[in-house]
Amino acid sequence: MIAISLGFLGLAVLAVFAARVYTEVRRLAGQVDKASNEIERAARELNDAAGPLAAQTGHFVQDVTSHTT
């Protein structure tokens, strides 16, 4: 009887840890999404700022926002 109780307790502990991992992964995914959006915005701003400067110097500027991964 004690073995069954310990087995059930072990499964319950594993379930708690699995739930904690799940919530942390969801939180991390949200942070990655936010950082990705900020990087995309910064790349767009940099490209917009570099365009006129490149036109003045005669250099070609590649549009970094048109590439998809």
C-alpha atoms as a PDB file:
ATOM      1  CA  MET A   1       0.000   0.000   0.000  1.00  0.00           C
ATOM      2  CA  ILE A   2       2.852   2.394   0.804  1.00  0.00           C
ATOM      3  CA  ALA A   3       4.400   1.713  -2.617  1.00  0.00           C
ATOM      4  CA  ILE A   4       1.195   2.742  -4.363  1.00  0.00           C
ATOM      5  CA  SER A   5       0.995   5.908  -2.264  1.00  0.00           C
ATOM      6  CA  LEU A   6       4.617   6.805  -3.021  1.00  0.00           C
ATOM      7  CA  GLY A   7       4.083   6.114  -6.717  1.00  0.00           C
ATOM      8  CA  PHE A   8       1.060   8.398  -6.791  1.00  0.00           C
ATOM      9  CA  LEU A   9       2.950  11.063  -4.870  1.00  0.00           C
ATOM     10  CA  GLY A  10       5.832  10.819  -7.341  1.00  0.00           C
ATOM     11  CA  LEU A  11       3.465  11.282 -10.277  1.00  0.00           C
ATOM     12  CA  ALA A  12       1.868  14.271  -8.582  1.00  0.00           C
ATOM     13  CA  VAL A  13       5.276  15.891  -8.052  1.00  0.00           C
ATOM     14  CA  LEU A  14       6.182  15.281 -11.695  1.00  0.00           C
ATOM     15  CA  ALA A  15       2.878  16.830 -12.785  1.00  0.00           C
ATOM     16  CA  VAL A  16       3.605  19.950 -10.730  1.00  0.00           C
ATOM     17  CA  PHE A  17       7.062  20.278 -12.280  1.00  0.00           C
ATOM     18  CA  ALA A  18       5.616  19.751 -15.768  1.00  0.00           C
ATOM     19  CA  ALA A  19       3.100  22.542 -15.165  1.00  0.00           C
ATOM     20  CA  ARG A  20       5.865  24.874 -13.970  1.00  0.00           C
ATOM     21  CA  VAL A  21       7.991  24.090 -17.026  1.00  0.00           C
ATOM     22  CA  TYR A  22       5.003  24.714 -19.289  1.00  0.00           C
ATOM     23  CA  THR A  23       4.301  28.127 -17.787  1.00  0.00           C
ATOM     24  CA  GLU A  24       7.970  29.145 -17.981  1.00  0.00           C
ATOM     25  CA  VAL A  25       8.178  28.071 -21.627  1.00  0.00           C
ATOM     26  CA  ARG A  26       5.083  30.137 -22.431  1.00  0.00           C
ATOM     27  CA  ARG A  27       6.597  33.162 -20.660  1.00  0.00           C
ATOM     28  CA  LEU A  28       9.897  32.732 -22.478  1.00  0.00           C
ATOM     29  CA  ALA A  29       8.105  32.410 -25.830  1.00  0.00           C
ATOM     30  CA  GLY A  30       6.364  35.719 -25.153  1.00  0.00           C
ATOM     31  CA  GLN A  31       9.681  37.401 -24.382  1.00  0.00           C
ATOM     32  CA  VAL A  32      11.249  35.982 -27.548  1.00  0.00           C
ATOM     33  CA  ASP A  33       8.309  37.260 -29.594  1.00  0.00           C
ATOM     34  CA  LYS A  34       8.623  40.729 -28.057  1.00  0.00           C
ATOM     35  CA  ALA A  35      12.387  40.823 -28.673  1.00  0.00           C
ATOM     36  CA  SER A  36      11.912  39.645 -32.250  1.00  0.00           C
ATOM     37  CA  ASN A  37       9.418  42.418 -32.917  1.00  0.00           C
ATOM     38  CA  GLU A  38      11.769  45.010 -31.419  1.00  0.00           C
ATOM     39  CA  ILE A  39      14.668  43.763 -33.564  1.00  0.00           C
ATOM     40  CA  GLU A  40      12.497  43.867 -36.671  1.00  0.00           C
ATOM     41  CA  ARG A  41      11.425  47.431 -35.862  1.00  0.00           C
ATOM     42  CA  ALA A  42      15.034  48.499 -35.251  1.00  0.00           C
ATOM     43  CA  ALA A  43      16.153  46.900 -38.520  1.00  0.00           C
ATOM     44  CA  ARG A  44      13.385  48.724 -40.375  1.00  0.00           C
ATOM     45  CA  GLU A  45      14.372  52.049 -38.762  1.00  0.00           C
ATOM     46  CA  LEU A  46      18.029  51.451 -39.588  1.00  0.00           C
ATOM     47  CA  ASN A  47      17.172  50.630 -43.188  1.00  0.00           C
ATOM     48  CA  ASP A  48      14.985  53.717 -43.470  1.00  0.00           C
ATOM     49  CA  ALA A  49      17.762  55.889 -42.036  1.00  0.00           C
ATOM     50  CA  ALA A  50      20.459  54.343 -44.247  1.00  0.00           C
ATOM     51  CA  GLY A  51      18.498  54.743 -47.481  1.00  0.00           C
ATOM     52  CA  PRO A  52      18.911  58.492 -47.941  1.00  0.00           C
ATOM     53  CA  LEU A  53      22.548  58.362 -46.846  1.00  0.00           C
ATOM     54  CA  ALA A  54      23.306  55.591 -49.312  1.00  0.00           C
ATOM     55  CA  ALA A  55      21.567  57.523 -52.067  1.00  0.00           C
ATOM     56  CA  GLN A  56      23.821  60.503 -51.353  1.00  0.00           C
ATOM     57  CA  THR A  57      26.971  58.397 -51.531  1.00  0.00           C
ATOM     58  CA  GLY A  58      25.801  56.275 -54.463  1.00  0.00           C
ATOM     59  CA  HIS A  59      25.896  52.960 -52.607  1.00  0.00           C
ATOM     60  CA  PHE A  60      23.232  50.295 -52.812  1.00  0.00           C
ATOM     61  CA  VAL A  61      21.204  49.510 -49.682  1.00  0.00           C
ATOM     62  CA  GLN A  62      19.473  46.158 -49.430  1.00  0.00           C
ATOM     63  CA  ASP A  63      16.003  46.202 -47.901  1.00  0.00           C
ATOM     64  CA  VAL A  64      16.392  43.979 -44.830  1.00  0.00           C
ATOM     65  CA  THR A  65      12.691  44.025 -43.997  1.00  0.00           C
ATOM     66  CA  SER A  66      11.660  42.277 -47.206  1.00  0.00           C
ATOM     67  CA  HIS A  67      13.392  39.014 -46.297  1.00  0.00           C
ATOM     68  CA  THR A  68      11.374  36.322 -44.590  1.00  0.00           C
ATOM     69  CA  THR A  69      12.760  33.425 -42.634  1.00  0.00           C
END
